[in-house]
């Protein structure tokens, strides 16, 4: 039996006329047409036994309890099959196999619609359980303060680990940044995508369902954490391997003995439970011995802080300094050295004039 009596009938039905005739809410129209076009051809290729299995599986959905939608979708399936029976006439006089196929597809389709409508109605709740921690939304004002601290701009690639309802990713996209939210909960991912579309930033605000511990976030220029002390500590080795200069923001929770480069506290704020926002700049790795033209430097590095010894001839001079991304600055014997770290080389200047270069031994 040929179920559809004209080529591409699914692709060219008079959708508007059908909507007007049945008075189906227009807010559901695109979802309905998308699902019908997506599933009907596939469903019709099943044999009758498999159609029945699919239909029975979806027959338990709450959506099927809505008689109005059952009738509307039944009419539409009949309509796109090129059948012009009155619905009652079709039920009483129509071909049995065709009625069975249409009826089974209706059950299958309504199951798909039920899942889609559930997604559309999903609203995240503060305190809801997650894979590793509960989800609590961050106030928008807090988000903007954090972004000002990190100077988030259109030149950045922002990644939020555990992006929740997507508000930070969307806020970054509104600043022109490319932004990615990594979230384990698929409902939150779909919710975030819908909000990004509504806010007009869906091209820059991308969300993916993934485990943050299995994800590559090494390309970020700004990374956001709201994970708790334990998870922050677990993420720290990966963070320290990121490109020097990457900015790390954390809501309320620090990175243990890696002291932040900047802290904004909110003591006494009765509206927020959040106490602080922390900012770190990933430092270049300089620990070890570096060869100079006429001596050497030995650095001992503890995150962004450095100590060590500058050796010129037979004279050793203690040094102290700090790294800011790939920028290095230290004092030795009353002279200040500044420079840029690029892999195994450092080039820079010193006070009083003159340049200096060092190569890692």
Protein backbone atom coordinates (compact mmCIF):
# COMPACT_ATOMS: atom_id res chain seq x y z
CA UNK A 1 0.00 0.00 0.00
CA UNK A 2 1.28 3.45 -0.91
CA UNK A 3 0.54 5.57 2.10
CA UNK A 4 1.22 9.02 0.61
CA UNK A 5 -0.46 9.60 -2.74
CA UNK A 6 1.60 12.56 -3.96
CA UNK A 7 5.31 13.23 -3.85
CA UNK A 8 6.58 15.42 -1.01
CA UNK A 9 3.11 15.75 0.49
CA UNK A 10 4.68 16.14 3.93
CA UNK A 11 6.85 19.00 2.78
CA UNK A 12 4.14 21.09 1.12
CA UNK A 13 0.90 20.93 3.15
CA UNK A 14 -1.11 24.09 3.65
CA UNK A 15 0.02 24.60 7.22
CA UNK A 16 -1.59 27.99 7.70
CA UNK A 17 -4.96 26.84 6.44
CA UNK A 18 -4.82 23.85 8.72
CA UNK A 19 -3.96 26.01 11.74
CA UNK A 20 -6.81 28.39 10.99
CA UNK A 21 -9.30 25.58 10.48
CA UNK A 22 -8.42 23.67 13.63
CA UNK A 23 -7.55 26.75 15.73
CA UNK A 24 -4.43 25.06 17.00
CA UNK A 25 -2.30 27.47 19.09
CA UNK A 26 0.33 28.98 16.82
CA UNK A 27 2.96 28.70 19.56
CA UNK A 28 2.87 24.91 19.00
CA UNK A 29 2.70 25.00 15.21
CA UNK A 30 6.41 24.95 14.41
CA UNK A 31 7.02 22.16 16.91
CA UNK A 32 4.20 20.10 15.42
CA UNK A 33 5.26 20.52 11.80
CA UNK A 34 8.91 19.90 12.61
CA UNK A 35 8.13 16.65 14.41
CA UNK A 36 5.69 15.42 11.79
CA UNK A 37 8.18 15.99 8.99
CA UNK A 38 10.96 14.46 11.06
CA UNK A 39 9.21 11.28 12.17
CA UNK A 40 6.43 10.39 9.74
CA UNK A 41 8.48 9.13 6.79
CA UNK A 42 10.66 7.12 9.13
CA UNK A 43 7.65 5.68 10.93
CA UNK A 44 5.94 4.63 7.69
CA UNK A 45 8.99 2.58 6.75
CA UNK A 46 8.52 0.38 9.83
CA UNK A 47 6.63 -2.87 9.40
CA UNK A 48 3.33 -3.08 11.21
CA UNK A 49 4.77 -5.03 14.15
CA UNK A 50 7.44 -2.42 14.81
CA UNK A 51 4.92 0.39 14.40
CA UNK A 52 2.86 -1.22 17.12
CA UNK A 53 5.86 -1.53 19.43
CA UNK A 54 6.71 2.15 19.01
CA UNK A 55 3.11 3.22 19.49
CA UNK A 56 2.63 1.13 22.63
CA UNK A 57 5.81 2.57 24.12
CA UNK A 58 4.60 6.14 23.68
CA UNK A 59 0.99 5.39 24.58
CA UNK A 60 1.74 5.96 28.29
CA UNK A 61 2.47 9.68 27.84
CA UNK A 62 0.37 12.24 29.67
CA UNK A 63 0.00 14.20 26.43
CA UNK A 64 -2.36 11.54 25.04
CA UNK A 65 -4.89 12.36 27.76
CA UNK A 66 -5.60 15.64 25.95
CA UNK A 67 -8.41 14.61 23.57
CA UNK A 68 -8.29 17.93 21.74
CA UNK A 69 -4.73 17.39 20.59
CA UNK A 70 -5.41 13.76 19.70
CA UNK A 71 -8.14 14.92 17.32
CA UNK A 72 -6.07 17.78 15.91
CA UNK A 73 -3.08 15.57 15.16
CA UNK A 74 -5.27 12.77 13.81
CA UNK A 75 -6.87 15.24 11.40
CA UNK A 76 -3.51 16.54 10.34
CA UNK A 77 -2.00 13.11 9.67
CA UNK A 78 -5.05 12.23 7.59
CA UNK A 79 -4.75 15.56 5.79
CA UNK A 80 -1.09 15.18 4.82
CA UNK A 81 -1.70 11.65 3.58
CA UNK A 82 -3.86 13.20 0.90
CA UNK A 83 -7.05 11.73 2.32
CA UNK A 84 -10.04 14.04 2.15
CA UNK A 85 -12.49 12.04 4.18
CA UNK A 86 -14.50 13.61 6.92
CA UNK A 87 -12.89 12.41 10.15
CA UNK A 88 -15.96 10.41 11.16
CA UNK A 89 -16.20 8.95 7.66
CA UNK A 90 -12.56 7.97 7.76
CA UNK A 91 -13.00 6.24 11.10
CA UNK A 92 -16.01 4.23 9.94
CA UNK A 93 -15.18 3.61 6.26
CA UNK A 94 -11.42 4.12 5.82
CA UNK A 95 -8.92 1.45 4.89
CA UNK A 96 -8.09 -0.59 7.98
CA UNK A 97 -4.33 -0.74 7.39
CA UNK A 98 -4.22 2.97 6.71
CA UNK A 99 -6.26 3.69 9.84
CA UNK A 100 -3.94 1.46 11.82
CA UNK A 101 -0.85 3.18 10.48
CA UNK A 102 -2.23 6.66 11.08
CA UNK A 103 -3.42 5.72 14.54
CA UNK A 104 -0.13 4.15 15.53
CA UNK A 105 1.81 7.11 14.22
CA UNK A 106 -0.46 9.39 16.22
CA UNK A 107 0.57 7.55 19.39
CA UNK A 108 4.23 7.68 18.39
CA UNK A 109 4.06 11.33 17.42
CA UNK A 110 2.23 12.38 20.57
CA UNK A 111 4.92 10.69 22.61
CA UNK A 112 7.53 12.75 20.84
CA UNK A 113 5.43 15.86 21.33
CA UNK A 114 5.00 15.09 25.00
CA UNK A 115 8.76 15.06 25.52
CA UNK A 116 9.15 18.24 23.49
CA UNK A 117 6.41 20.06 25.37
CA UNK A 118 7.92 18.94 28.68
CA UNK A 119 11.19 20.52 27.62
CA UNK A 120 9.39 23.74 26.69
CA UNK A 121 7.76 23.93 30.11
CA UNK A 122 10.91 23.08 32.08
CA UNK A 123 12.00 25.71 34.60
CA UNK A 124 15.10 25.07 36.76
CA UNK A 125 14.72 25.37 40.51
CA UNK A 126 17.36 26.80 42.82
CA UNK A 127 18.83 24.03 44.95
CA UNK A 128 18.01 21.23 42.53
CA UNK A 129 20.37 18.27 42.60
CA UNK A 130 23.11 17.90 40.01
CA UNK A 131 25.72 15.28 39.13
CA UNK A 132 28.32 16.60 41.59
CA UNK A 133 26.73 19.59 43.35
CA UNK A 134 23.37 21.33 43.63
CA UNK A 135 22.54 24.15 41.23
CA UNK A 136 22.07 27.68 42.61
CA UNK A 137 21.66 30.65 40.22
CA UNK A 138 24.01 33.62 40.40
CA UNK A 139 22.44 37.12 40.63
CA UNK A 140 22.88 39.08 37.41
CA UNK A 141 24.50 41.99 39.23
CA UNK A 142 27.09 39.58 40.62
CA UNK A 143 27.76 38.28 37.10
CA UNK A 144 28.50 41.77 35.79
CA UNK A 145 30.86 42.53 38.70
CA UNK A 146 32.78 39.32 37.96
CA UNK A 147 32.99 40.13 34.25
CA UNK A 148 34.25 43.62 35.00
CA UNK A 149 36.97 42.12 37.19
CA UNK A 150 38.09 39.83 34.36
CA UNK A 151 37.54 42.51 31.72
CA UNK A 152 35.45 40.20 29.52
CA UNK A 153 35.24 41.63 25.99
CA UNK A 154 34.46 40.58 22.43
CA UNK A 155 38.03 39.29 22.08
CA UNK A 156 37.44 36.55 24.66
CA UNK A 157 36.38 32.93 24.59
CA UNK A 158 34.40 32.41 27.79
CA UNK A 159 33.68 28.94 29.20
CA UNK A 160 31.46 28.20 32.19
CA UNK A 161 32.04 24.82 33.86
CA UNK A 162 28.62 23.72 35.06
CA UNK A 163 26.66 26.43 33.26
CA UNK A 164 23.27 25.78 34.88
CA UNK A 165 20.58 27.98 33.33
CA UNK A 166 23.14 29.59 31.02
CA UNK A 167 22.99 33.12 32.39
CA UNK A 168 26.78 33.64 32.52
CA UNK A 169 27.30 32.30 29.01
CA UNK A 170 24.51 34.52 27.71
CA UNK A 171 25.89 37.53 29.59
CA UNK A 172 29.34 36.94 28.06
CA UNK A 173 27.79 36.64 24.61
CA UNK A 174 26.01 39.96 25.12
CA UNK A 175 29.44 41.49 25.64
CA UNK A 176 30.40 40.14 22.23
CA UNK A 177 32.46 37.21 23.49
CA UNK A 178 32.31 33.73 22.07
CA UNK A 179 30.90 31.67 24.94
CA UNK A 180 30.44 28.00 25.82
CA UNK A 181 28.49 26.43 28.65
CA UNK A 182 29.34 22.86 29.69
CA UNK A 183 26.48 21.32 31.65
CA UNK A 184 25.70 17.70 32.57
CA UNK A 185 21.93 18.13 33.01
CA UNK A 186 20.26 17.88 29.55
CA UNK A 187 17.19 19.81 30.72
CA UNK A 188 19.37 22.75 31.75
CA UNK A 189 21.21 22.58 28.42
CA UNK A 190 17.97 22.77 26.42
CA UNK A 191 16.61 25.50 28.70
CA UNK A 192 19.79 27.55 28.21
CA UNK A 193 19.60 27.17 24.43
CA UNK A 194 16.03 28.45 24.40
CA UNK A 195 16.93 31.47 26.52
CA UNK A 196 19.92 32.21 24.27
CA UNK A 197 17.58 32.23 21.27
CA UNK A 198 15.14 34.53 23.07
CA UNK A 199 18.01 36.89 23.98
CA UNK A 200 19.29 36.92 20.41
CA UNK A 201 22.76 35.53 21.18
CA UNK A 202 22.42 31.87 20.14
CA UNK A 203 25.20 32.18 17.54
CA UNK A 204 27.74 33.19 20.19
CA UNK A 205 26.30 31.37 23.22
CA UNK A 206 26.75 27.63 22.75
CA UNK A 207 25.76 24.93 25.22
CA UNK A 208 26.72 21.28 25.27
CA UNK A 209 25.76 18.40 27.48
CA UNK A 210 29.01 17.01 28.89
CA UNK A 211 30.93 16.08 32.02
CA UNK A 212 33.28 18.92 32.98
CA UNK A 213 35.94 16.41 34.05
CA UNK A 214 35.97 14.87 30.57
CA UNK A 215 35.79 18.15 28.65
CA UNK A 216 38.53 20.16 26.97
CA UNK A 217 38.33 23.78 28.10
CA UNK A 218 41.96 24.62 27.35
CA UNK A 219 41.09 27.18 24.65
CA UNK A 220 39.21 29.49 27.04
CA UNK A 221 40.59 32.95 27.71
CA UNK A 222 38.16 33.34 30.64
CA UNK A 223 37.03 30.36 32.71
CA UNK A 224 34.22 30.49 35.31
CA UNK A 225 33.82 28.14 38.27
CA UNK A 226 31.05 27.78 40.82
CA UNK A 227 31.85 24.27 41.94
CA UNK A 228 32.81 24.20 45.60
CA UNK A 229 36.19 23.76 47.31
CA UNK A 230 36.63 20.06 46.55
CA UNK A 231 35.77 20.30 42.85
CA UNK A 232 37.85 23.46 42.45
CA UNK A 233 40.83 21.56 43.83
CA UNK A 234 40.18 18.70 41.42
CA UNK A 235 40.12 21.11 38.46
CA UNK A 236 43.27 23.00 39.51
CA UNK A 237 45.91 20.85 37.71
CA UNK A 238 44.10 21.31 34.39
CA UNK A 239 43.72 25.02 35.03
CA UNK A 240 47.42 25.47 35.73
CA UNK A 241 48.19 23.82 32.37
CA UNK A 242 46.11 26.40 30.50
CA UNK A 243 47.69 29.12 28.40
CA UNK A 244 49.46 31.76 30.53
CA UNK A 245 47.27 34.81 30.89
CA UNK A 246 43.98 32.89 31.03
CA UNK A 247 41.67 34.52 33.57
CA UNK A 248 39.96 32.28 36.11
CA UNK A 249 36.85 33.45 37.96
CA UNK A 250 35.41 31.56 40.91
CA UNK A 251 32.24 32.32 42.79
CA UNK A 252 32.74 32.05 46.57
CA UNK A 253 35.27 29.19 46.52
CA UNK A 254 39.06 29.61 46.30
CA UNK A 255 41.77 27.34 44.90
CA UNK A 256 43.28 26.44 48.25
CA UNK A 257 46.92 27.61 48.52
CA UNK A 258 46.89 29.23 45.07
CA UNK A 259 46.13 32.75 46.26
CA UNK A 260 43.94 34.87 43.96
CA UNK A 261 45.35 37.85 42.08
CA UNK A 262 42.23 39.84 42.92
CA UNK A 263 39.33 39.42 45.34
CA UNK A 264 36.02 41.24 45.54
CA UNK A 265 34.23 40.67 48.84
CA UNK A 266 30.56 41.21 49.61
CA UNK A 267 30.49 41.17 53.38
CA UNK A 268 27.24 42.38 54.88
CA UNK A 269 25.19 42.06 51.69
CA UNK A 270 21.84 40.83 52.99
CA UNK A 271 20.48 40.00 49.54
CA UNK A 272 23.21 37.55 48.51
CA UNK A 273 24.59 34.40 50.06
CA UNK A 274 27.73 34.82 47.95
CA UNK A 275 30.69 36.16 49.92
CA UNK A 276 33.32 36.86 47.26
CA UNK A 277 34.43 36.57 43.68
CA UNK A 278 38.02 35.50 43.05
CA UNK A 279 40.21 36.15 40.02
CA UNK A 280 43.40 34.33 39.08
CA UNK A 281 45.68 34.83 36.10
CA UNK A 282 47.26 31.55 34.96
CA UNK A 283 51.04 32.07 35.29
CA UNK A 284 53.73 30.93 32.88
CA UNK A 285 55.92 28.10 34.17
CA UNK A 286 59.44 29.30 34.98
CA UNK A 287 60.51 27.03 37.81
CA UNK A 288 64.10 25.86 37.29
CA UNK A 289 67.38 27.18 35.96
CA UNK A 290 67.73 29.62 33.05
CA UNK A 291 70.96 30.45 31.23
CA UNK A 292 72.03 34.09 30.74
CA UNK A 293 74.73 35.44 28.43
CA UNK A 294 77.06 35.98 31.41
CA UNK A 295 75.41 34.00 34.19
CA UNK A 296 72.23 32.20 35.16
CA UNK A 297 68.94 32.57 37.04
CA UNK A 298 67.42 29.92 39.29
CA UNK A 299 63.68 30.41 39.89
CA UNK A 300 61.61 28.75 42.59
CA UNK A 301 57.96 29.18 41.63
CA UNK A 302 54.87 28.94 43.79
CA UNK A 303 52.03 29.68 41.38
CA UNK A 304 52.38 33.36 40.42
CA UNK A 305 55.06 34.13 43.03
CA UNK A 306 58.77 33.58 42.39
CA UNK A 307 61.97 33.63 44.44
CA UNK A 308 65.43 32.53 43.51
CA UNK A 309 69.00 33.48 42.78
CA UNK A 310 70.59 35.59 40.07
CA UNK A 311 74.20 34.49 39.50
CA UNK A 312 76.58 36.84 37.64
CA UNK A 313 80.16 35.58 37.65
CA UNK A 314 80.85 34.43 41.18
CA UNK A 315 78.23 36.70 42.77
CA UNK A 316 74.84 35.32 43.85
CA UNK A 317 71.99 37.74 44.42
CA UNK A 318 68.61 36.82 45.86
CA UNK A 319 65.54 37.77 43.84
CA UNK A 320 61.81 38.06 44.48
CA UNK A 321 59.08 38.73 41.99
CA UNK A 322 55.77 37.83 40.42
CA UNK A 323 54.25 36.49 37.23
CA UNK A 324 51.18 37.95 35.56
CA UNK A 325 50.35 35.48 32.83
CA UNK A 326 53.37 35.41 30.54
CA UNK A 327 54.75 38.65 32.01
CA UNK A 328 57.54 38.38 34.59
CA UNK A 329 58.88 41.00 36.98
CA UNK A 330 61.49 40.58 39.71
CA UNK A 331 64.02 42.54 41.75
CA UNK A 332 67.60 41.47 42.33
CA UNK A 333 70.26 43.60 44.00
CA UNK A 334 68.19 46.76 43.70
CA UNK A 335 67.65 46.32 39.96
CA UNK A 336 64.24 45.55 38.45
CA UNK A 337 63.92 43.04 35.62
CA UNK A 338 60.81 42.77 33.43
CA UNK A 339 60.17 40.42 30.54
CA UNK A 340 57.92 38.10 28.59
CA UNK A 341 58.02 34.32 28.92
CA UNK A 342 57.61 32.42 25.65
CA UNK A 343 58.04 28.70 26.21
CA UNK A 344 61.71 28.12 26.97
CA UNK A 345 62.80 31.71 26.39
CA UNK A 346 62.49 34.97 28.30
CA UNK A 347 63.24 38.36 26.77
CA UNK A 348 63.01 41.68 28.58
CA UNK A 349 64.57 44.84 29.96
CA UNK A 350 66.14 45.95 33.21
CA UNK A 351 66.21 49.30 34.98
CA UNK A 352 68.99 51.62 33.96
CA UNK A 353 68.75 50.47 30.36
CA UNK A 354 69.74 47.35 28.55
CA UNK A 355 67.97 44.14 27.63
CA UNK A 356 68.31 40.63 28.92
CA UNK A 357 67.58 37.18 27.56
CA UNK A 358 67.35 33.82 29.24
CA UNK A 359 67.01 30.28 27.93
CA UNK A 360 65.77 27.37 29.99
CA UNK A 361 68.52 24.83 30.74
